[in-house]
Amino acid sequence: MHIESIMSDQLTRYLDVATTQAKLTAQNMANVDTPGYRAMGIDFEAEMRRMLGDGPTAAAPAQAGLEDGLVARPDGNNVSMDRESLNLAEAQLRYRTGITLLKQQYQMTMDAIHADNGK
């Protein structure tokens, strides 16, 4: 496997985890007024370690779980819009970073192709 392919695979997995984080955050925000709703989330770093590993679970999608330790309101809902807004900003930053890195990787590949064609 070529280094470009390995990097693309890793960046794709990074983007998958960032996308999952953004989707879960949007789901939490949409349910802010739903009685009994419990916020869902992922441990980004743990998911990246798992997805970049060589084990049988590496190819599986990011695993979401209930967020532990959050204070619930009297109706049982534990979504905090402040916390979710921060999570969304973090997910967006991670996604933009991944896209930028992917663009740079493709640009380097294209530059190498054009440099080789120029000889």
PDB file of N, CA and C in Angstrom:
ATOM      1  N   MET A   1       0.857  -1.187   0.000  1.00  0.00           N
ATOM      2  CA  MET A   1       0.000   0.000   0.000  1.00  0.00           C
ATOM      3  C   MET A   1       0.898   1.244   0.000  1.00  0.00           C
ATOM      4  N   HIS A   2       0.575   2.208  -0.813  1.00  0.00           N
ATOM      5  CA  HIS A   2       1.359   3.431  -0.916  1.00  0.00           C
ATOM      6  C   HIS A   2       1.083   4.351   0.268  1.00  0.00           C
ATOM      7  N   ILE A   3       2.071   5.193   0.574  1.00  0.00           N
ATOM      8  CA  ILE A   3       1.943   6.123   1.704  1.00  0.00           C
ATOM      9  C   ILE A   3       0.757   7.061   1.503  1.00  0.00           C
ATOM     10  N   GLU A   4       0.506   7.467   0.237  1.00  0.00           N
ATOM     11  CA  GLU A   4      -0.623   8.363  -0.026  1.00  0.00           C
ATOM     12  C   GLU A   4      -1.941   7.694   0.336  1.00  0.00           C
ATOM     13  N   SER A   5      -2.040   6.413   0.012  1.00  0.00           N
ATOM     14  CA  SER A   5      -3.260   5.668   0.311  1.00  0.00           C
ATOM     15  C   SER A   5      -3.448   5.500   1.815  1.00  0.00           C
ATOM     16  N   ILE A   6      -2.353   5.222   2.518  1.00  0.00           N
ATOM     17  CA  ILE A   6      -2.419   5.085   3.978  1.00  0.00           C
ATOM     18  C   ILE A   6      -2.860   6.400   4.600  1.00  0.00           C
ATOM     19  N   MET A   7      -2.258   7.505   4.151  1.00  0.00           N
ATOM     20  CA  MET A   7      -2.627   8.814   4.702  1.00  0.00           C
ATOM     21  C   MET A   7      -4.074   9.148   4.381  1.00  0.00           C
ATOM     22  N   SER A   8      -4.512   8.852   3.160  1.00  0.00           N
ATOM     23  CA  SER A   8      -5.904   9.118   2.784  1.00  0.00           C
ATOM     24  C   SER A   8      -6.859   8.316   3.653  1.00  0.00           C
ATOM     25  N   ASP A   9      -6.536   7.053   3.888  1.00  0.00           N
ATOM     26  CA  ASP A   9      -7.377   6.208   4.741  1.00  0.00           C
ATOM     27  C   ASP A   9      -7.455   6.770   6.154  1.00  0.00           C
ATOM     28  N   GLN A  10      -6.321   7.190   6.686  1.00  0.00           N
ATOM     29  CA  GLN A  10      -6.303   7.737   8.039  1.00  0.00           C
ATOM     30  C   GLN A  10      -7.081   9.042   8.113  1.00  0.00           C
ATOM     31  N   LEU A  11      -6.913   9.894   7.119  1.00  0.00           N
ATOM     32  CA  LEU A  11      -7.654  11.156   7.103  1.00  0.00           C
ATOM     33  C   LEU A  11      -9.148  10.914   6.920  1.00  0.00           C
ATOM     34  N   THR A  12      -9.499   9.926   6.123  1.00  0.00           N
ATOM     35  CA  THR A  12     -10.911   9.585   5.945  1.00  0.00           C
ATOM     36  C   THR A  12     -11.508   9.112   7.263  1.00  0.00           C
ATOM     37  N   ARG A  13     -10.783   8.307   7.990  1.00  0.00           N
ATOM     38  CA  ARG A  13     -11.262   7.849   9.300  1.00  0.00           C
ATOM     39  C   ARG A  13     -11.386   9.016  10.271  1.00  0.00           C
ATOM     40  N   TYR A  14     -10.414   9.924  10.231  1.00  0.00           N
ATOM     41  CA  TYR A  14     -10.459  11.125  11.065  1.00  0.00           C
ATOM     42  C   TYR A  14     -11.731  11.920  10.752  1.00  0.00           C
ATOM     43  N   LEU A  15     -12.017  12.100   9.466  1.00  0.00           N
ATOM     44  CA  LEU A  15     -13.219  12.838   9.062  1.00  0.00           C
ATOM     45  C   LEU A  15     -14.490  12.103   9.473  1.00  0.00           C
ATOM     46  N   ASP A  16     -14.473  10.788   9.413  1.00  0.00           N
ATOM     47  CA  ASP A  16     -15.633  10.003   9.849  1.00  0.00           C
ATOM     48  C   ASP A  16     -15.935  10.234  11.327  1.00  0.00           C
ATOM     49  N   VAL A  17     -14.893  10.241  12.152  1.00  0.00           N
ATOM     50  CA  VAL A  17     -15.092  10.453  13.594  1.00  0.00           C
ATOM     51  C   VAL A  17     -15.571  11.884  13.850  1.00  0.00           C
ATOM     52  N   ALA A  18     -14.987  12.860  13.159  1.00  0.00           N
ATOM     53  CA  ALA A  18     -15.417  14.251  13.323  1.00  0.00           C
ATOM     54  C   ALA A  18     -16.870  14.426  12.886  1.00  0.00           C
ATOM     55  N   THR A  19     -17.264  13.758  11.813  1.00  0.00           N
ATOM     56  CA  THR A  19     -18.648  13.818  11.337  1.00  0.00           C
ATOM     57  C   THR A  19     -19.595  13.197  12.352  1.00  0.00           C
ATOM     58  N   THR A  20     -19.210  12.061  12.907  1.00  0.00           N
ATOM     59  CA  THR A  20     -20.042  11.411  13.928  1.00  0.00           C
ATOM     60  C   THR A  20     -20.210  12.323  15.133  1.00  0.00           C
ATOM     61  N   GLN A  21     -19.127  12.982  15.541  1.00  0.00           N
ATOM     62  CA  GLN A  21     -19.201  13.903  16.670  1.00  0.00           C
ATOM     63  C   GLN A  21     -20.173  15.044  16.367  1.00  0.00           C
ATOM     64  N   ALA A  22     -20.111  15.597  15.169  1.00  0.00           N
ATOM     65  CA  ALA A  22     -21.009  16.693  14.793  1.00  0.00           C
ATOM     66  C   ALA A  22     -22.462  16.227  14.743  1.00  0.00           C
ATOM     67  N   LYS A  23     -22.703  15.032  14.211  1.00  0.00           N
ATOM     68  CA  LYS A  23     -24.070  14.500  14.138  1.00  0.00           C
ATOM     69  C   LYS A  23     -24.652  14.272  15.530  1.00  0.00           C
ATOM     70  N   LEU A  24     -23.849  13.714  16.426  1.00  0.00           N
ATOM     71  CA  LEU A  24     -24.329  13.481  17.792  1.00  0.00           C
ATOM     72  C   LEU A  24     -24.631  14.799  18.496  1.00  0.00           C
ATOM     73  N   THR A  25     -23.786  15.789  18.269  1.00  0.00           N
ATOM     74  CA  THR A  25     -24.011  17.100  18.872  1.00  0.00           C
ATOM     75  C   THR A  25     -25.299  17.713  18.343  1.00  0.00           C
ATOM     76  N   ALA A  26     -25.529  17.618  17.033  1.00  0.00           N
ATOM     77  CA  ALA A  26     -26.769  18.135  16.444  1.00  0.00           C
ATOM     78  C   ALA A  26     -27.982  17.399  17.006  1.00  0.00           C
ATOM     79  N   GLN A  27     -27.858  16.088  17.176  1.00  0.00           N
ATOM     80  CA  GLN A  27     -28.942  15.295  17.761  1.00  0.00           C
ATOM     81  C   GLN A  27     -29.225  15.747  19.191  1.00  0.00           C
ATOM     82  N   ASN A  28     -28.173  15.970  19.956  1.00  0.00           N
ATOM     83  CA  ASN A  28     -28.350  16.435  21.331  1.00  0.00           C
ATOM     84  C   ASN A  28     -29.039  17.798  21.358  1.00  0.00           C
ATOM     85  N   MET A  29     -28.603  18.698  20.482  1.00  0.00           N
ATOM     86  CA  MET A  29     -29.195  20.038  20.442  1.00  0.00           C
ATOM     87  C   MET A  29     -30.667  19.974  20.040  1.00  0.00           C
ATOM     88  N   ALA A  30     -30.991  19.093  19.115  1.00  0.00           N
ATOM     89  CA  ALA A  30     -32.379  18.954  18.670  1.00  0.00           C
ATOM     90  C   ALA A  30     -33.276  18.414  19.778  1.00  0.00           C
ATOM     91  N   ASN A  31     -32.698  17.718  20.739  1.00  0.00           N
ATOM     92  CA  ASN A  31     -33.473  17.109  21.822  1.00  0.00           C
ATOM     93  C   ASN A  31     -33.322  17.839  23.150  1.00  0.00           C
ATOM     94  N   VAL A  32     -32.895  19.087  23.095  1.00  0.00           N
ATOM     95  CA  VAL A  32     -32.659  19.839  24.330  1.00  0.00           C
ATOM     96  C   VAL A  32     -33.922  19.954  25.191  1.00  0.00           C
ATOM     97  N   ASP A  33     -35.093  19.948  24.577  1.00  0.00           N
ATOM     98  CA  ASP A  33     -36.348  20.081  25.326  1.00  0.00           C
ATOM     99  C   ASP A  33     -37.119  18.768  25.448  1.00  0.00           C
ATOM    100  N   THR A  34     -36.509  17.659  25.084  1.00  0.00           N
ATOM    101  CA  THR A  34     -37.171  16.360  25.168  1.00  0.00           C
ATOM    102  C   THR A  34     -37.002  15.787  26.569  1.00  0.00           C
ATOM    103  N   PRO A  35     -38.100  15.640  27.316  1.00  0.00           N
ATOM    104  CA  PRO A  35     -37.984  15.094  28.674  1.00  0.00           C
ATOM    105  C   PRO A  35     -37.340  13.705  28.671  1.00  0.00           C
ATOM    106  N   GLY A  36     -36.407  13.517  29.577  1.00  0.00           N
ATOM    107  CA  GLY A  36     -35.753  12.226  29.732  1.00  0.00           C
ATOM    108  C   GLY A  36     -34.639  11.934  28.741  1.00  0.00           C
ATOM    109  N   TYR A  37     -34.420  12.830  27.779  1.00  0.00           N
ATOM    110  CA  TYR A  37     -33.362  12.588  26.797  1.00  0.00           C
ATOM    111  C   TYR A  37     -32.001  12.687  27.470  1.00  0.00           C
ATOM    112  N   ARG A  38     -31.121  11.759  27.137  1.00  0.00           N
ATOM    113  CA  ARG A  38     -29.765  11.731  27.677  1.00  0.00           C
ATOM    114  C   ARG A  38     -28.789  12.035  26.542  1.00  0.00           C
ATOM    115  N   ALA A  39     -27.889  12.971  26.778  1.00  0.00           N
ATOM    116  CA  ALA A  39     -26.921  13.374  25.758  1.00  0.00           C
ATOM    117  C   ALA A  39     -26.035  12.201  25.344  1.00  0.00           C
ATOM    118  N   MET A  40     -25.784  12.134  24.038  1.00  0.00           N
ATOM    119  CA  MET A  40     -24.912  11.113  23.460  1.00  0.00           C
ATOM    120  C   MET A  40     -23.606  11.775  23.036  1.00  0.00           C
ATOM    121  N   GLY A  41     -22.543  10.997  23.013  1.00  0.00           N
ATOM    122  CA  GLY A  41     -21.259  11.542  22.587  1.00  0.00           C
ATOM    123  C   GLY A  41     -20.269  10.442  22.293  1.00  0.00           C
ATOM    124  N   ILE A  42     -19.086  10.857  21.856  1.00  0.00           N
ATOM    125  CA  ILE A  42     -17.995   9.918  21.626  1.00  0.00           C
ATOM    126  C   ILE A  42     -16.733  10.478  22.253  1.00  0.00           C
ATOM    127  N   ASP A  43     -15.816   9.593  22.578  1.00  0.00           N
ATOM    128  CA  ASP A  43     -14.483   9.989  23.028  1.00  0.00           C
ATOM    129  C   ASP A  43     -13.626  10.036  21.766  1.00  0.00           C
ATOM    130  N   PHE A  44     -13.421  11.240  21.244  1.00  0.00           N
ATOM    131  CA  PHE A  44     -12.765  11.415  19.951  1.00  0.00           C
ATOM    132  C   PHE A  44     -11.404  10.733  19.905  1.00  0.00           C
ATOM    133  N   GLU A  45     -10.579  10.986  20.913  1.00  0.00           N
ATOM    134  CA  GLU A  45      -9.230  10.429  20.917  1.00  0.00           C
ATOM    135  C   GLU A  45      -9.255   8.903  20.983  1.00  0.00           C
ATOM    136  N   ALA A  46     -10.118   8.349  21.823  1.00  0.00           N
ATOM    137  CA  ALA A  46     -10.216   6.889  21.935  1.00  0.00           C
ATOM    138  C   ALA A  46     -10.709   6.278  20.620  1.00  0.00           C
ATOM    139  N   GLU A  47     -11.663   6.932  19.978  1.00  0.00           N
ATOM    140  CA  GLU A  47     -12.164   6.432  18.697  1.00  0.00           C
ATOM    141  C   GLU A  47     -11.084   6.480  17.619  1.00  0.00           C
ATOM    142  N   MET A  48     -10.284   7.535  17.621  1.00  0.00           N
ATOM    143  CA  MET A  48      -9.202   7.620  16.641  1.00  0.00           C
ATOM    144  C   MET A  48      -8.175   6.521  16.877  1.00  0.00           C
ATOM    145  N   ARG A  49      -7.817   6.280  18.130  1.00  0.00           N
ATOM    146  CA  ARG A  49      -6.863   5.199  18.427  1.00  0.00           C
ATOM    147  C   ARG A  49      -7.417   3.857  17.950  1.00  0.00           C
ATOM    148  N   ARG A  50      -8.701   3.633  18.210  1.00  0.00           N
ATOM    149  CA  ARG A  50      -9.323   2.373  17.802  1.00  0.00           C
ATOM    150  C   ARG A  50      -9.363   2.248  16.282  1.00  0.00           C
ATOM    151  N   MET A  51      -9.784   3.306  15.607  1.00  0.00           N
ATOM    152  CA  MET A  51      -9.943   3.248  14.154  1.00  0.00           C
ATOM    153  C   MET A  51      -8.608   3.178  13.414  1.00  0.00           C
ATOM    154  N   LEU A  52      -7.552   3.696  14.018  1.00  0.00           N
ATOM    155  CA  LEU A  52      -6.246   3.654  13.368  1.00  0.00           C
ATOM    156  C   LEU A  52      -5.466   2.398  13.734  1.00  0.00           C
ATOM    157  N   GLY A  53      -6.029   1.580  14.605  1.00  0.00           N
ATOM    158  CA  GLY A  53      -5.386   0.334  14.998  1.00  0.00           C
ATOM    159  C   GLY A  53      -5.537  -0.738  13.933  1.00  0.00           C
ATOM    160  N   ASP A  54      -4.971  -1.890  14.235  1.00  0.00           N
ATOM    161  CA  ASP A  54      -4.999  -3.001  13.281  1.00  0.00           C
ATOM    162  C   ASP A  54      -6.000  -4.084  13.659  1.00  0.00           C
ATOM    163  N   GLY A  55      -6.689  -3.920  14.768  1.00  0.00           N
ATOM    164  CA  GLY A  55      -7.595  -4.958  15.243  1.00  0.00           C
ATOM    165  C   GLY A  55      -8.850  -5.083  14.408  1.00  0.00           C
ATOM    166  N   PRO A  56      -9.679  -6.075  14.727  1.00  0.00           N
ATOM    167  CA  PRO A  56     -10.905  -6.315  13.959  1.00  0.00           C
ATOM    168  C   PRO A  56     -11.937  -5.196  14.083  1.00  0.00           C
ATOM    169  N   THR A  57     -11.846  -4.375  15.127  1.00  0.00           N
ATOM    170  CA  THR A  57     -12.824  -3.290  15.292  1.00  0.00           C
ATOM    171  C   THR A  57     -12.386  -2.006  14.607  1.00  0.00           C
ATOM    172  N   ALA A  58     -11.203  -1.986  14.021  1.00  0.00           N
ATOM    173  CA  ALA A  58     -10.672  -0.760  13.423  1.00  0.00           C
ATOM    174  C   ALA A  58     -11.551  -0.222  12.301  1.00  0.00           C
ATOM    175  N   ALA A  59     -12.176  -1.086  11.538  1.00  0.00           N
ATOM    176  CA  ALA A  59     -12.991  -0.641  10.403  1.00  0.00           C
ATOM    177  C   ALA A  59     -14.430  -0.313  10.787  1.00  0.00           C
ATOM    178  N   ALA A  60     -14.822  -0.625  12.010  1.00  0.00           N
ATOM    179  CA  ALA A  60     -16.197  -0.363  12.454  1.00  0.00           C
ATOM    180  C   ALA A  60     -16.425   1.139  12.601  1.00  0.00           C
ATOM    181  N   PRO A  61     -17.664   1.596  12.416  1.00  0.00           N
ATOM    182  CA  PRO A  61     -17.966   3.016  12.598  1.00  0.00           C
ATOM    183  C   PRO A  61     -17.730   3.455  14.043  1.00  0.00           C
ATOM    184  N   ALA A  62     -17.597   4.766  14.234  1.00  0.00           N
ATOM    185  CA  ALA A  62     -17.395   5.318  15.575  1.00  0.00           C
ATOM    186  C   ALA A  62     -18.541   4.907  16.489  1.00  0.00           C
ATOM    187  N   GLN A  63     -18.203   4.573  17.710  1.00  0.00           N
ATOM    188  CA  GLN A  63     -19.180   4.089  18.679  1.00  0.00           C
ATOM    189  C   GLN A  63     -19.625   5.223  19.604  1.00  0.00           C
ATOM    190  N   ALA A  64     -20.903   5.516  19.590  1.00  0.00           N
ATOM    191  CA  ALA A  64     -21.463   6.551  20.454  1.00  0.00           C
ATOM    192  C   ALA A  64     -21.923   5.929  21.758  1.00  0.00           C
ATOM    193  N   GLY A  65     -21.948   6.742  22.784  1.00  0.00           N
ATOM    194  CA  GLY A  65     -22.436   6.281  24.070  1.00  0.00           C
ATOM    195  C   GLY A  65     -23.069   7.426  24.825  1.00  0.00           C
ATOM    196  N   LEU A  66     -23.741   7.093  25.912  1.00  0.00           N
ATOM    197  CA  LEU A  66     -24.322   8.130  26.756  1.00  0.00           C
ATOM    198  C   LEU A  66     -23.208   8.896  27.440  1.00  0.00           C
ATOM    199  N   GLU A  67     -23.384  10.192  27.562  1.00  0.00           N
ATOM    200  CA  GLU A  67     -22.417  11.031  28.255  1.00  0.00           C
ATOM    201  C   GLU A  67     -22.617  10.869  29.755  1.00  0.00           C
ATOM    202  N   ASP A  68     -21.581  10.431  30.444  1.00  0.00           N
ATOM    203  CA  ASP A  68     -21.659  10.230  31.889  1.00  0.00           C
ATOM    204  C   ASP A  68     -21.320  11.511  32.638  1.00  0.00           C
ATOM    205  N   GLY A  69     -21.861  11.637  33.825  1.00  0.00           N
ATOM    206  CA  GLY A  69     -21.502  12.728  34.721  1.00  0.00           C
ATOM    207  C   GLY A  69     -22.144  14.070  34.435  1.00  0.00           C
ATOM    208  N   LEU A  70     -23.116  14.119  33.538  1.00  0.00           N
ATOM    209  CA  LEU A  70     -23.780  15.387  33.249  1.00  0.00           C
ATOM    210  C   LEU A  70     -24.963  15.568  34.185  1.00  0.00           C
ATOM    211  N   VAL A  71     -25.178  16.787  34.598  1.00  0.00           N
ATOM    212  CA  VAL A  71     -26.276  17.093  35.512  1.00  0.00           C
ATOM    213  C   VAL A  71     -27.587  17.126  34.737  1.00  0.00           C
ATOM    214  N   ALA A  72     -28.557  16.377  35.224  1.00  0.00           N
ATOM    215  CA  ALA A  72     -29.872  16.334  34.580  1.00  0.00           C
ATOM    216  C   ALA A  72     -30.805  17.356  35.217  1.00  0.00           C
ATOM    217  N   ARG A  73     -31.694  17.891  34.391  1.00  0.00           N
ATOM    218  CA  ARG A  73     -32.734  18.789  34.897  1.00  0.00           C
ATOM    219  C   ARG A  73     -33.814  17.937  35.560  1.00  0.00           C
ATOM    220  N   PRO A  74     -34.783  18.574  36.214  1.00  0.00           N
ATOM    221  CA  PRO A  74     -35.859  17.795  36.847  1.00  0.00           C
ATOM    222  C   PRO A  74     -36.620  16.883  35.883  1.00  0.00           C
ATOM    223  N   ASP A  75     -36.666  17.247  34.583  1.00  0.00           N
ATOM    224  CA  ASP A  75     -37.374  16.393  33.616  1.00  0.00           C
ATOM    225  C   ASP A  75     -36.512  15.226  33.131  1.00  0.00           C
ATOM    226  N   GLY A  76     -35.284  15.112  33.642  1.00  0.00           N
ATOM    227  CA  GLY A  76     -34.400  14.010  33.293  1.00  0.00           C
ATOM    228  C   GLY A  76     -33.483  14.273  32.110  1.00  0.00           C
ATOM    229  N   ASN A  77     -33.671  15.393  31.421  1.00  0.00           N
ATOM    230  CA  ASN A  77     -32.835  15.746  30.279  1.00  0.00           C
ATOM    231  C   ASN A  77     -31.513  16.317  30.794  1.00  0.00           C
ATOM    232  N   ASN A  78     -30.398  15.887  30.204  1.00  0.00           N
ATOM    233  CA  ASN A  78     -29.100  16.383  30.667  1.00  0.00           C
ATOM    234  C   ASN A  78     -28.329  17.150  29.592  1.00  0.00           C
ATOM    235  N   VAL A  79     -29.022  17.633  28.559  1.00  0.00           N
ATOM    236  CA  VAL A  79     -28.364  18.377  27.490  1.00  0.00           C
ATOM    237  C   VAL A  79     -28.137  19.818  27.928  1.00  0.00           C
ATOM    238  N   SER A  80     -26.908  20.284  27.770  1.00  0.00           N
ATOM    239  CA  SER A  80     -26.547  21.673  28.028  1.00  0.00           C
ATOM    240  C   SER A  80     -26.205  22.315  26.687  1.00  0.00           C
ATOM    241  N   MET A  81     -26.937  23.351  26.310  1.00  0.00           N
ATOM    242  CA  MET A  81     -26.680  24.006  25.026  1.00  0.00           C
ATOM    243  C   MET A  81     -25.285  24.624  24.996  1.00  0.00           C
ATOM    244  N   ASP A  82     -24.803  25.129  26.129  1.00  0.00           N
ATOM    245  CA  ASP A  82     -23.448  25.680  26.170  1.00  0.00           C
ATOM    246  C   ASP A  82     -22.423  24.599  25.847  1.00  0.00           C
ATOM    247  N   ARG A  83     -22.567  23.461  26.472  1.00  0.00           N
ATOM    248  CA  ARG A  83     -21.646  22.340  26.243  1.00  0.00           C
ATOM    249  C   ARG A  83     -21.742  21.851  24.801  1.00  0.00           C
ATOM    250  N   GLU A  84     -22.951  21.735  24.291  1.00  0.00           N
ATOM    251  CA  GLU A  84     -23.138  21.254  22.920  1.00  0.00           C
ATOM    252  C   GLU A  84     -22.608  22.256  21.900  1.00  0.00           C
ATOM    253  N   SER A  85     -22.734  23.540  22.181  1.00  0.00           N
ATOM    254  CA  SER A  85     -22.182  24.558  21.282  1.00  0.00           C
ATOM    255  C   SER A  85     -20.663  24.430  21.197  1.00  0.00           C
ATOM    256  N   LEU A  86     -20.032  24.187  22.339  1.00  0.00           N
ATOM    257  CA  LEU A  86     -18.582  23.968  22.349  1.00  0.00           C
ATOM    258  C   LEU A  86     -18.213  22.690  21.599  1.00  0.00           C
ATOM    259  N   ASN A  87     -18.989  21.628  21.802  1.00  0.00           N
ATOM    260  CA  ASN A  87     -18.739  20.366  21.098  1.00  0.00           C
ATOM    261  C   ASN A  87     -18.870  20.545  19.589  1.00  0.00           C
ATOM    262  N   LEU A  88     -19.870  21.333  19.164  1.00  0.00           N
ATOM    263  CA  LEU A  88     -20.073  21.563  17.735  1.00  0.00           C
ATOM    264  C   LEU A  88     -18.909  22.356  17.142  1.00  0.00           C
ATOM    265  N   ALA A  89     -18.464  23.386  17.860  1.00  0.00           N
ATOM    266  CA  ALA A  89     -17.322  24.172  17.382  1.00  0.00           C
ATOM    267  C   ALA A  89     -16.075  23.290  17.272  1.00  0.00           C
ATOM    268  N   GLU A  90     -15.882  22.416  18.240  1.00  0.00           N
ATOM    269  CA  GLU A  90     -14.740  21.494  18.220  1.00  0.00           C
ATOM    270  C   GLU A  90     -14.837  20.535  17.029  1.00  0.00           C
ATOM    271  N   ALA A  91     -16.014  19.995  16.792  1.00  0.00           N
ATOM    272  CA  ALA A  91     -16.208  19.069  15.670  1.00  0.00           C
ATOM    273  C   ALA A  91     -15.973  19.779  14.339  1.00  0.00           C
ATOM    274  N   GLN A  92     -16.458  21.012  14.220  1.00  0.00           N
ATOM    275  CA  GLN A  92     -16.261  21.774  12.983  1.00  0.00           C
ATOM    276  C   GLN A  92     -14.784  22.057  12.746  1.00  0.00           C
ATOM    277  N   LEU A  93     -14.066  22.417  13.806  1.00  0.00           N
ATOM    278  CA  LEU A  93     -12.638  22.690  13.685  1.00  0.00           C
ATOM    279  C   LEU A  93     -11.884  21.427  13.266  1.00  0.00           C
ATOM    280  N   ARG A  94     -12.232  20.315  13.880  1.00  0.00           N
ATOM    281  CA  ARG A  94     -11.584  19.052  13.514  1.00  0.00           C
ATOM    282  C   ARG A  94     -11.879  18.693  12.060  1.00  0.00           C
ATOM    283  N   TYR A  95     -13.114  18.881  11.638  1.00  0.00           N
ATOM    284  CA  TYR A  95     -13.484  18.545  10.263  1.00  0.00           C
ATOM    285  C   TYR A  95     -12.732  19.430   9.270  1.00  0.00           C
ATOM    286  N   ARG A  96     -12.710  20.736   9.542  1.00  0.00           N
ATOM    287  CA  ARG A  96     -11.989  21.655   8.655  1.00  0.00           C
ATOM    288  C   ARG A  96     -10.501  21.314   8.590  1.00  0.00           C
ATOM    289  N   THR A  97      -9.931  20.953   9.735  1.00  0.00           N
ATOM    290  CA  THR A  97      -8.524  20.555   9.770  1.00  0.00           C
ATOM    291  C   THR A  97      -8.299  19.316   8.908  1.00  0.00           C
ATOM    292  N   GLY A  98      -9.171  18.336   9.036  1.00  0.00           N
ATOM    293  CA  GLY A  98      -9.058  17.121   8.235  1.00  0.00           C
ATOM    294  C   GLY A  98      -9.167  17.394   6.749  1.00  0.00           C
ATOM    295  N   ILE A  99     -10.107  18.241   6.367  1.00  0.00           N
ATOM    296  CA  ILE A  99     -10.278  18.593   4.953  1.00  0.00           C
ATOM    297  C   ILE A  99      -9.038  19.312   4.434  1.00  0.00           C
ATOM    298  N   THR A 100      -8.498  20.234   5.226  1.00  0.00           N
ATOM    299  CA  THR A 100      -7.289  20.958   4.827  1.00  0.00           C
ATOM    300  C   THR A 100      -6.126  19.997   4.619  1.00  0.00           C
ATOM    301  N   LEU A 101      -5.951  19.059   5.542  1.00  0.00           N
ATOM    302  CA  LEU A 101      -4.870  18.079   5.413  1.00  0.00           C
ATOM    303  C   LEU A 101      -5.072  17.183   4.196  1.00  0.00           C
ATOM    304  N   LEU A 102      -6.311  16.796   3.946  1.00  0.00           N
ATOM    305  CA  LEU A 102      -6.604  15.958   2.785  1.00  0.00           C
ATOM    306  C   LEU A 102      -6.320  16.710   1.486  1.00  0.00           C
ATOM    307  N   LYS A 103      -6.709  17.987   1.429  1.00  0.00           N
ATOM    308  CA  LYS A 103      -6.421  18.809   0.249  1.00  0.00           C
ATOM    309  C   LYS A 103      -4.914  18.934   0.025  1.00  0.00           C
ATOM    310  N   GLN A 104      -4.175  19.160   1.122  1.00  0.00           N
ATOM    311  CA  GLN A 104      -2.723  19.288   1.002  1.00  0.00           C
ATOM    312  C   GLN A 104      -2.094  17.991   0.504  1.00  0.00           C
ATOM    313  N   GLN A 105      -2.589  16.870   0.996  1.00  0.00           N
ATOM    314  CA  GLN A 105      -2.058  15.581   0.568  1.00  0.00           C
ATOM    315  C   GLN A 105      -2.312  15.364  -0.920  1.00  0.00           C
ATOM    316  N   TYR A 106      -3.515  15.665  -1.378  1.00  0.00           N
ATOM    317  CA  TYR A 106      -3.823  15.524  -2.805  1.00  0.00           C
ATOM    318  C   TYR A 106      -3.009  16.504  -3.650  1.00  0.00           C
ATOM    319  N   GLN A 107      -2.813  17.706  -3.136  1.00  0.00           N
ATOM    320  CA  GLN A 107      -2.016  18.685  -3.880  1.00  0.00           C
ATOM    321  C   GLN A 107      -0.570  18.214  -4.018  1.00  0.00           C
ATOM    322  N   MET A 108      -0.015  17.635  -2.957  1.00  0.00           N
ATOM    323  CA  MET A 108       1.351  17.106  -3.039  1.00  0.00           C
ATOM    324  C   MET A 108       1.433  15.977  -4.064  1.00  0.00           C
ATOM    325  N   THR A 109       0.410  15.137  -4.101  1.00  0.00           N
ATOM    326  CA  THR A 109       0.380  14.050  -5.082  1.00  0.00           C
ATOM    327  C   THR A 109       0.317  14.615  -6.499  1.00  0.00           C
ATOM    328  N   MET A 110      -0.535  15.605  -6.706  1.00  0.00           N
ATOM    329  CA  MET A 110      -0.657  16.225  -8.033  1.00  0.00           C
ATOM    330  C   MET A 110       0.645  16.923  -8.423  1.00  0.00           C
ATOM    331  N   ASP A 111       1.284  17.601  -7.475  1.00  0.00           N
ATOM    332  CA  ASP A 111       2.564  18.256  -7.757  1.00  0.00           C
ATOM    333  C   ASP A 111       3.616  17.231  -8.180  1.00  0.00           C
ATOM    334  N   ALA A 112       3.630  16.086  -7.504  1.00  0.00           N
ATOM    335  CA  ALA A 112       4.592  15.034  -7.846  1.00  0.00           C
ATOM    336  C   ALA A 112       4.314  14.482  -9.243  1.00  0.00           C
ATOM    337  N   ILE A 113       3.050  14.321  -9.587  1.00  0.00           N
ATOM    338  CA  ILE A 113       2.686  13.827 -10.922  1.00  0.00           C
ATOM    339  C   ILE A 113       3.123  14.820 -11.992  1.00  0.00           C
ATOM    340  N   HIS A 114       2.834  16.105 -11.760  1.00  0.00           N
ATOM    341  CA  HIS A 114       3.195  17.125 -12.744  1.00  0.00           C
ATOM    342  C   HIS A 114       4.709  17.278 -12.852  1.00  0.00           C
ATOM    343  N   ALA A 115       5.417  17.156 -11.748  1.00  0.00           N
ATOM    344  CA  ALA A 115       6.878  17.261 -11.774  1.00  0.00           C
ATOM    345  C   ALA A 115       7.473  16.094 -12.551  1.00  0.00           C
ATOM    346  N   ASP A 116       6.891  14.911 -12.385  1.00  0.00           N
ATOM    347  CA  ASP A 116       7.374  13.724 -13.094  1.00  0.00           C
ATOM    348  C   ASP A 116       7.084  13.827 -14.588  1.00  0.00           C
ATOM    349  N   ASN A 117       5.945  14.419 -14.941  1.00  0.00           N
ATOM    350  CA  ASN A 117       5.580  14.578 -16.355  1.00  0.00           C
ATOM    351  C   ASN A 117       6.445  15.618 -17.050  1.00  0.00           C
ATOM    352  N   GLY A 118       7.015  16.521 -16.286  1.00  0.00           N
ATOM    353  CA  GLY A 118       7.822  17.591 -16.854  1.00  0.00           C
ATOM    354  C   GLY A 118       9.222  17.157 -17.239  1.00  0.00           C
ATOM    355  N   LYS A 119       9.630  15.957 -16.858  1.00  0.00           N
ATOM    356  CA  LYS A 119      10.997  15.496 -17.156  1.00  0.00           C
ATOM    357  C   LYS A 119      11.122  14.999 -18.570  1.00  0.00           C
TER     358      LYS A 119
END
